[in-house]
Protein backbone atom coordinates (compact mmCIF):
# COMPACT_ATOMS: atom_id res chain seq x y z
CA MET A 1 102.33 88.67 135.00
CA ASN A 2 100.23 91.21 133.18
CA LYS A 3 97.77 90.45 130.28
CA GLN A 4 99.98 91.35 127.40
CA THR A 5 103.00 89.42 128.81
CA PHE A 6 100.84 86.29 129.22
CA GLN A 7 99.36 86.77 125.52
CA LEU A 8 102.84 87.20 124.15
CA ILE A 9 104.07 83.94 125.86
CA GLN A 10 101.04 82.48 124.20
CA MET A 11 101.95 83.46 120.74
CA MET A 12 105.57 82.50 121.24
CA LEU A 13 104.55 78.94 122.23
CA ASP A 14 102.30 78.62 119.03
CA PRO A 15 103.98 77.22 116.00
CA ARG A 16 101.55 78.48 113.74
CA ILE A 17 102.60 82.18 114.65
CA THR A 18 106.41 81.53 115.22
CA ALA A 19 107.16 79.08 112.42
CA LYS A 20 107.05 81.40 109.32
CA PRO A 21 109.25 84.06 111.13
CA LEU A 22 111.68 81.44 112.48
CA TRP A 23 111.92 79.83 109.02
CA ALA A 24 112.67 83.13 107.30
CA LEU A 25 115.43 84.19 110.10
CA ALA A 26 116.93 80.82 109.58
CA LYS A 27 117.20 81.28 105.97
CA LEU A 28 118.78 84.59 106.28
CA ARG A 29 121.50 83.56 108.98
CA ALA A 30 122.41 80.77 106.50
CA LYS A 31 123.45 83.83 104.29
CA GLY A 32 125.29 85.24 107.14
CA ILE A 33 122.67 88.17 107.72
CA ARG A 34 121.19 88.51 111.28
CA ARG A 35 118.06 90.64 111.86
CA ILE A 36 117.79 90.17 115.39
CA PRO A 37 120.28 89.76 118.25
CA ASP A 38 121.65 86.17 118.83
CA THR A 39 120.11 85.84 122.53
CA VAL A 40 116.54 86.65 120.95
CA TYR A 41 116.95 84.20 118.05
CA GLU A 42 118.09 81.60 120.46
CA ASP A 43 115.05 82.23 122.79
CA LEU A 44 112.53 82.12 119.91
CA ARG A 45 114.13 78.69 118.60
CA LYS A 46 113.65 77.24 122.11
CA LYS A 47 109.98 78.23 121.90
CA GLY A 48 110.20 79.68 125.43
CA GLY A 49 109.92 83.50 124.86
CA ARG A 50 110.46 84.01 128.51
CA GLY A 51 113.91 85.81 128.40
CA SER A 52 115.48 88.14 125.82
CA ALA A 53 112.85 87.31 123.10
CA LEU A 54 110.00 88.24 125.50
CA LYS A 55 111.86 91.55 126.26
CA PHE A 56 112.58 92.42 122.75
CA VAL A 57 108.84 91.96 121.49
CA ARG A 58 107.49 93.78 124.39
CA HIS A 59 109.94 96.89 123.57
CA TRP A 60 108.78 97.00 120.01
CA LEU A 61 105.15 96.59 120.94
CA ASP A 62 104.96 98.73 123.88
CA GLY A 63 101.85 100.69 123.80
CA GLU A 64 100.01 98.34 121.46
CA LEU A 65 96.93 96.23 122.55
CA PHE A 66 96.44 92.70 121.42
CA THR A 67 92.86 91.50 120.91
CA ARG A 68 91.27 88.30 119.61
CA HIS A 69 88.59 88.28 116.62
CA ASN A 70 87.10 85.45 115.07
CA GLY A 71 89.69 83.09 116.28
CA GLN A 72 92.70 85.20 115.34
CA TRP A 73 95.07 87.71 117.02
CA VAL A 74 94.93 91.35 116.02
CA LEU A 75 97.44 93.76 116.73
CA ASN A 76 96.03 96.71 114.50
CA SER A 77 94.79 97.20 110.89
CA PHE A 78 98.48 97.78 109.83
CA MET A 79 99.13 93.88 109.92
CA PRO A 80 96.89 91.07 108.80
CA PRO A 81 95.18 88.98 111.64
CA PHE A 82 97.23 85.86 112.67
CA PRO A 83 97.85 83.03 112.25
CA GLY A 84 96.90 82.94 108.72
CA PRO A 85 98.39 82.92 105.28
CA ALA A 86 98.53 86.74 104.95
CA TYR A 87 100.36 86.81 108.07
CA ASP A 88 102.83 84.12 106.88
CA ARG A 89 103.50 86.04 103.73
CA MET A 90 104.17 89.28 105.41
CA PHE A 91 106.80 87.67 107.87
CA GLU A 92 108.35 85.86 104.96
CA ASN A 93 108.75 89.36 103.10
CA LEU A 94 109.99 91.20 105.81
CA PHE A 95 112.72 88.98 106.82
CA SER A 96 113.50 87.21 103.51
CA GLY A 97 115.40 90.06 101.99
CA ARG A 98 113.26 89.96 99.07
CA HIS A 99 113.24 93.29 97.13
CA LEU A 100 109.74 93.14 95.87
CA SER A 101 107.54 92.70 98.82
CA PRO A 102 104.84 95.37 99.66
CA VAL A 103 103.00 94.63 102.82
CA SER A 104 99.91 96.55 101.97
CA ALA A 105 98.21 97.98 99.14
CA PHE A 106 95.18 100.47 98.74
CA LEU A 107 93.05 100.30 95.85
CA ALA A 108 90.85 103.23 94.93
CA ILE A 109 88.30 100.98 92.63
CA THR A 110 86.12 104.13 91.88
CA SER A 111 86.38 107.85 91.95
CA ALA A 112 82.58 108.03 92.31
CA CYS A 113 81.45 109.54 95.69
CA PRO A 114 78.36 111.33 96.98
CA CYS A 115 80.05 113.05 99.59
CA ASN A 116 82.24 116.21 99.39
CA CYS A 117 84.73 116.16 102.40
CA PHE A 118 86.90 119.11 103.21
CA HIS A 119 90.04 116.97 103.66
CA CYS A 120 89.61 114.34 100.73
CA SER A 121 92.93 113.25 99.24
CA ALA A 122 91.22 112.02 96.07
CA ARG A 123 88.77 114.84 95.15
CA ARG A 124 88.71 114.42 91.34
CA LYS A 125 86.46 112.29 89.05
CA MET A 126 88.57 110.13 86.77
CA ASP A 127 87.75 108.68 83.42
CA ASP A 128 88.79 105.46 81.95
CA GLU A 129 88.86 103.66 85.39
CA LEU A 130 90.08 100.28 85.57
CA SER A 131 87.48 97.45 84.67
CA THR A 132 86.59 94.62 87.22
CA ALA A 133 88.68 92.30 85.09
CA GLN A 134 91.77 94.53 85.21
CA TRP A 135 91.23 95.15 89.27
CA LYS A 136 91.32 91.27 89.36
CA ASP A 137 94.45 91.13 87.51
CA THR A 138 95.91 93.73 89.73
CA LEU A 139 95.03 91.62 92.89
CA ARG A 140 96.71 88.51 91.23
CA GLN A 141 99.89 90.49 90.54
CA LEU A 142 99.71 92.02 94.21
CA GLN A 143 99.62 88.38 95.46
CA GLN A 144 102.69 87.24 93.25
CA LEU A 145 104.73 90.22 94.81
CA GLY A 146 103.76 88.90 98.07
CA ASN A 147 101.32 91.37 99.56
CA SER A 148 99.29 90.78 102.57
CA VAL A 149 96.60 93.40 103.02
CA VAL A 150 94.40 95.02 100.59
CA GLY A 151 92.53 98.21 101.38
CA PHE A 152 89.46 99.05 99.00
CA THR A 153 89.07 102.80 98.88
CA GLY A 154 88.03 105.21 96.53
CA GLY A 155 85.84 107.70 95.98
CA GLU A 156 83.30 105.61 97.88
CA PRO A 157 84.03 101.88 97.26
CA LEU A 158 80.51 101.01 98.07
CA GLU A 159 79.42 102.71 94.92
CA HIS A 160 81.41 100.01 92.86
CA PRO A 161 78.84 97.21 91.87
CA ASP A 162 81.58 94.63 91.72
CA LEU A 163 82.96 95.27 95.19
CA PRO A 164 81.89 91.58 96.71
CA GLU A 165 83.48 90.21 93.79
CA LEU A 166 86.77 91.95 94.33
CA ILE A 167 86.79 91.19 97.90
CA ALA A 168 86.09 87.46 97.11
CA GLU A 169 89.05 87.37 94.82
CA CYS A 170 91.24 88.87 97.28
CA THR A 171 90.02 86.27 99.77
CA ARG A 172 90.66 83.62 97.41
CA LEU A 173 94.26 84.74 96.93
CA GLY A 174 94.84 84.60 100.91
CA MET A 175 95.07 88.33 101.30
CA SER A 176 93.29 90.32 104.16
CA SER A 177 90.66 92.91 102.91
CA ILE A 178 89.84 96.06 104.41
CA LEU A 179 86.93 98.29 103.39
CA PHE A 180 87.34 102.08 103.89
CA THR A 181 84.10 103.90 103.70
CA SER A 182 82.25 106.88 104.34
CA GLY A 183 79.18 104.79 104.89
CA ALA A 184 77.36 106.62 102.11
CA GLY A 185 74.76 104.23 100.59
CA VAL A 186 75.15 101.58 103.16
CA THR A 187 72.55 98.58 103.18
CA ALA A 188 72.17 95.43 105.06
CA ALA A 189 72.14 93.54 101.56
CA LYS A 190 75.67 95.14 100.90
CA PHE A 191 77.00 94.01 104.07
CA GLN A 192 75.67 90.57 103.80
CA SER A 193 77.34 90.25 100.51
CA LEU A 194 80.63 91.54 101.87
CA GLU A 195 80.58 89.04 104.64
CA LYS A 196 80.06 86.11 102.23
CA SER A 197 82.74 87.45 100.22
CA GLY A 198 85.08 87.22 103.05
CA LEU A 199 85.94 90.86 104.04
CA TRP A 200 88.10 90.88 106.98
CA ALA A 201 87.60 94.51 108.20
CA CYS A 202 85.63 97.68 107.68
CA CYS A 203 86.56 101.22 108.65
CA ALA A 204 84.10 103.98 108.65
CA SER A 205 85.02 107.72 108.86
CA LEU A 206 83.81 109.72 111.54
CA ASP A 207 85.28 113.39 112.37
CA PHE A 208 82.64 114.66 114.95
CA ASP A 209 80.55 113.16 117.71
CA SER A 210 77.50 115.25 116.44
CA ALA A 211 75.54 114.66 113.52
CA GLU A 212 75.20 118.44 112.73
CA GLU A 213 79.02 118.99 112.33
CA HIS A 214 79.85 115.62 110.58
CA ASP A 215 77.28 116.11 108.09
CA ARG A 216 78.15 119.61 107.39
CA MET A 217 81.80 118.89 106.82
CA ARG A 218 81.04 115.88 104.56
CA GLU A 219 78.33 117.76 102.65
CA ARG A 220 75.81 114.85 103.00
CA PRO A 221 72.61 115.17 105.21
CA GLY A 222 72.30 111.96 107.25
CA ILE A 223 75.78 110.78 106.68
CA PHE A 224 76.43 110.74 110.48
CA GLU A 225 73.47 108.19 110.98
CA GLU A 226 74.91 106.25 108.10
CA VAL A 227 78.23 105.76 109.79
CA LEU A 228 76.53 104.36 112.91
CA GLU A 229 74.67 102.03 110.81
CA THR A 230 77.66 100.99 109.01
CA ILE A 231 79.25 100.30 112.48
CA ARG A 232 76.05 98.14 113.46
CA LEU A 233 75.86 96.19 110.21
CA SER A 234 79.89 95.33 110.26
CA LYS A 235 79.48 94.25 113.85
CA GLU A 236 76.40 91.93 113.08
CA ALA A 237 78.38 90.58 110.08
CA GLY A 238 81.29 89.40 112.53
CA ILE A 239 83.58 92.10 110.68
CA TYR A 240 86.60 93.50 112.30
CA THR A 241 85.12 97.11 112.81
CA MET A 242 86.97 100.19 112.78
CA VAL A 243 86.37 103.96 112.79
CA SER A 244 88.83 106.60 111.53
CA SER A 245 89.22 110.41 112.12
CA VAL A 246 91.20 113.10 110.53
CA ALA A 247 92.66 115.08 113.41
CA THR A 248 92.84 119.04 112.85
CA ARG A 249 94.48 121.27 115.14
CA SER A 250 90.96 122.22 116.58
CA PHE A 251 89.99 118.41 116.75
CA ILE A 252 92.84 117.77 119.09
CA GLU A 253 92.69 121.07 121.02
CA SER A 254 88.85 120.21 121.78
CA ARG A 255 89.90 116.65 122.83
CA MET A 256 87.25 115.56 120.18
CA PHE A 257 89.36 112.29 119.79
CA GLU A 258 88.44 111.39 123.49
CA ARG A 259 84.70 112.09 122.73
CA ILE A 260 84.65 109.88 119.62
CA HIS A 261 86.68 107.14 121.28
CA GLY A 262 83.88 107.21 124.00
CA LEU A 263 81.28 106.91 121.18
CA ASN A 264 83.11 103.99 119.55
CA LYS A 265 83.10 102.09 122.98
CA THR A 266 79.48 102.58 123.28
CA HIS A 267 79.03 101.06 119.65
CA GLY A 268 81.48 98.22 120.32
CA VAL A 269 84.05 99.49 117.72
CA HIS A 270 87.07 97.12 117.61
CA GLU A 271 89.69 100.05 116.66
CA TYR A 272 90.06 103.79 116.32
CA ARG A 273 92.37 104.91 113.70
CA ILE A 274 93.55 108.51 113.65
CA VAL A 275 95.35 110.20 110.70
CA GLU A 276 96.60 113.76 110.68
CA PRO A 277 95.36 116.23 107.94
CA MET A 278 97.57 115.81 104.63
CA PRO A 279 98.80 118.45 102.35
CA CYS A 280 97.40 116.83 99.34
CA GLY A 281 93.95 116.65 97.42
CA ALA A 282 91.56 119.11 98.83
CA LEU A 283 94.35 120.33 101.27
CA SER A 284 96.91 120.57 98.55
CA GLY A 285 98.67 124.00 98.67
CA ALA A 286 96.85 124.76 102.21
CA ASP A 287 98.93 127.08 104.65
CA ASP A 288 101.14 125.06 107.00
CA ASP A 289 99.15 126.30 109.89
CA LEU A 290 96.75 123.99 108.75
CA LEU A 291 99.18 120.94 109.63
CA LEU A 292 100.02 119.67 113.06
CA THR A 293 102.68 120.99 115.19
CA PRO A 294 104.97 118.72 117.18
CA GLU A 295 102.95 119.46 120.17
CA HIS A 296 99.61 118.31 118.55
CA ILE A 297 101.43 115.09 117.41
CA GLN A 298 102.56 114.31 120.65
CA THR A 299 99.07 114.68 121.95
CA LEU A 300 97.86 111.81 119.66
CA ARG A 301 100.92 109.71 120.42
CA ASP A 302 100.23 109.88 124.07
CA PHE A 303 96.64 108.92 123.56
CA HIS A 304 97.63 105.92 121.32
CA VAL A 305 99.97 104.67 123.97
CA GLN A 306 98.31 105.52 127.35
CA THR A 307 94.94 104.18 125.89
CA ASN A 308 96.37 100.88 125.09
CA ARG A 309 98.59 100.33 127.96
CA LYS A 310 95.50 100.90 130.07
CA GLN A 311 93.69 98.36 127.83
CA LYS A 312 90.83 100.61 127.27
CA HIS A 313 88.75 99.67 124.18
CA PRO A 314 88.64 100.16 121.49
CA LYS A 315 92.24 100.07 120.73
CA VAL A 316 93.94 103.05 119.25
CA CYS A 317 95.94 103.37 116.19
CA ALA A 318 97.41 106.67 115.78
CA PHE A 319 99.30 106.96 112.46
CA ASN A 320 101.80 109.35 114.17
CA GLN A 321 102.68 106.74 116.47
CA ILE A 322 103.10 103.58 114.43
CA GLU A 323 104.79 105.74 111.54
CA SER A 324 107.04 107.82 114.06
CA PRO A 325 110.76 107.70 113.36
CA GLU A 326 111.33 105.83 116.36
CA ILE A 327 109.34 102.88 115.27
CA PHE A 328 108.25 102.08 111.80
CA GLY A 329 108.58 105.34 110.18
CA CYS A 330 106.99 106.01 106.75
CA GLY A 331 106.54 102.82 104.31
CA ALA A 332 105.12 104.56 101.33
CA GLY A 333 106.37 103.17 98.15
CA THR A 334 108.83 100.78 100.15
CA GLN A 335 106.28 98.71 102.34
CA HIS A 336 103.06 100.11 100.86
CA LEU A 337 101.42 101.20 97.56
CA TYR A 338 98.37 102.84 96.26
CA ILE A 339 96.64 102.34 93.08
CA GLN A 340 94.33 105.22 91.74
CA PRO A 341 91.09 104.59 89.73
CA ASP A 342 92.58 104.87 86.43
CA GLY A 343 95.60 102.38 87.23
CA THR A 344 98.29 104.73 88.20
CA VAL A 345 100.70 103.31 90.99
CA CYS A 346 101.65 105.87 93.64
CA PRO A 347 103.51 105.50 96.83
CA CYS A 348 100.35 106.11 99.03
CA ASP A 349 97.01 107.69 98.93
CA PHE A 350 98.44 110.98 100.09
CA THR A 351 101.49 111.24 97.89
CA PRO A 352 100.47 112.02 94.20
CA LEU A 353 103.55 110.89 92.47
CA GLY A 354 103.10 108.31 89.59
CA PHE A 355 105.41 105.61 88.55
CA GLY A 356 103.60 103.77 86.06
CA ASN A 357 100.15 102.30 85.10
CA MET A 358 98.38 99.06 85.77
CA LYS A 359 96.88 99.14 81.92
CA THR A 360 100.34 99.31 80.45
CA ASP A 361 102.95 98.17 82.95
CA PRO A 362 103.55 95.03 85.06
CA LEU A 363 103.15 96.00 88.50
CA SER A 364 106.56 94.19 89.49
CA LYS A 365 108.17 96.52 87.21
CA VAL A 366 106.52 99.69 88.50
CA TRP A 367 106.92 98.60 92.28
CA LYS A 368 110.63 98.16 91.64
CA ARG A 369 111.01 101.63 89.95
CA MET A 370 108.91 103.36 92.74
CA ASN A 371 110.63 101.28 95.54
CA LEU A 372 114.12 102.50 94.27
CA ALA A 373 113.02 106.08 93.73
CA MET A 374 111.58 106.29 97.26
CA GLY A 375 114.74 105.26 98.86
CA ASP A 376 114.51 101.27 98.85
CA ASN A 377 113.74 101.31 102.59
CA PRO A 378 111.08 102.71 104.85
CA ARG A 379 111.85 106.53 105.59
CA SER A 380 112.06 108.23 109.03
CA HIS A 381 109.32 111.00 108.07
CA CYS A 382 106.23 110.95 106.14
CA PHE A 383 107.31 111.93 102.73
CA ILE A 384 104.29 114.17 101.70
CA GLN A 385 104.40 115.97 105.04
CA LYS A 386 108.05 116.66 104.74
CA HIS A 387 108.22 117.35 100.93
CA HIS A 388 104.64 118.69 100.04
CA GLU A 389 106.09 122.13 98.88
CA LEU A 390 108.45 120.24 96.60
CA VAL A 391 105.65 118.18 95.07
CA ASN A 392 103.30 121.27 94.76
CA ARG A 393 106.12 123.08 92.78
CA HIS A 394 104.87 120.75 89.66
CA ALA A 395 101.18 121.10 90.16
CA ASP A 396 100.73 122.79 86.73
CA GLU A 397 101.78 119.19 85.36
CA GLY A 398 98.64 117.60 87.04
CA PHE A 399 98.26 115.16 89.76
CA PRO A 400 99.47 112.39 89.86
CA LEU A 401 102.81 113.42 88.59
CA PRO A 402 104.47 111.57 85.73
CA PRO A 403 107.31 109.07 86.40
CA ASP A 404 110.27 111.11 85.26
CA ILE A 405 109.05 113.97 87.63
CA SER A 406 108.38 111.82 90.40
CA GLU A 407 111.79 110.22 90.33
CA ALA A 408 113.04 113.75 90.10
CA ILE A 409 111.25 114.85 93.13
CA CYS A 410 112.42 111.81 95.18
CA ALA A 411 115.99 112.44 94.06
CA GLU A 412 115.82 116.05 95.04
CA ALA A 413 114.15 115.00 98.53
CA GLY A 414 117.25 112.75 99.06
CA PRO A 415 117.89 109.69 101.50
CA GLU A 416 116.80 109.60 105.25
CA PRO A 417 118.05 107.77 108.12
CA MET A 418 116.02 104.46 108.64
CA PRO A 419 113.23 104.49 111.21
CA GLY A 420 113.88 102.75 114.66
CA TYR A 421 112.69 99.23 113.96
CA PHE A 422 114.26 98.80 110.70
CA ALA A 423 117.61 100.40 111.60
CA MET A 424 117.64 97.81 114.37
CA VAL A 425 116.96 94.78 112.35
CA THR A 426 119.38 95.82 109.53
CA GLY A 427 122.16 97.23 111.70
CA GLN A 428 122.00 100.55 110.09
CA PRO A 429 122.24 104.02 111.64
CA GLN A 430 119.04 105.40 113.06
CA GLU A 431 118.06 108.90 113.09
CA LYS A 432 118.81 110.76 116.51
CA THR A 433 115.78 112.28 118.19
CA GLU A 434 115.75 114.70 121.06
């Protein structure tokens, strides 16, 4: 029996982990809705997990690496740690059949940033940003919708004077919090405050393994060393610590991801997130040859799966793998949302379609409007990667686009088959892959 199989059996025997999913599945079955095969359901009810249930879970988590952090299990930063209240809420929403149930939300709490990164998806100073009181109300509305994970981003979120207060509110509401930072302006005092506020995870951006290149591409001397200091302080505070990279073609062809993975291991990083360049923000309107080819994407997917299967630390979380058509697909606007500094609600931080504003609209109303426009279910492909030309036709309107244009773009983009996992649990057709 390998290590992962043993871990999965441990989890399936732990009622703190299985109780909420089983409760939700039973509730659905009472309505005649089956989200997993009968044999799998019966195995889970018997709390054995050694037959069909174990095979089922292993299939969908193949290429992932479970780790322990502060007494909880962590699959990756797409999910809250478990057991815990955020985990329970996520599974209740995923399997309950509720319409209004985002799993995660990223909040750009400020547009202020001392860096000028070449790939920034939010390279625009915003006036009339939400106040701390408005952000707190936003967090309460997210919790009422059933949200589980909150990412604090920007701009540079460390620039916001009330960041610890916002994280404390997130903690009080039972949601897991992640800080996404360039590392600019990091201090020991800031991290001590974040740790006291209950911050779960910190993700620092690093695109090169040399200070010269990283500082140049971020246009901030010393930012490489600030990233390393961020990692050190995050680890010392007992926070789940991640590094993220934007994988350009040259990044992949030079195998930079392997070098940064090695650097991460040296510094004790828990997870390495890799995202491809997105045709938005600073890269809006860029030539298609900037974007990754299928071969580049496969390289990242292979690195994700092979590294995790070999249990090499840190674990790898490549968006191309997690969000592939065969697995979970793109949840922008249907499993995830993003709120800009001025309160505009968008499907994700890379998709500049606006569906309402927190200053004037209840989040539940905006979420439903966006959810229905985006297709009411996760899509097989990343929306902005597939439809950036359609979005950019309306650039003269200014980003984010207003709700009526955003809805028209979604209608023109049309529906997609559901990604593999969701097609399986709902019994709907899945996109065929070669």
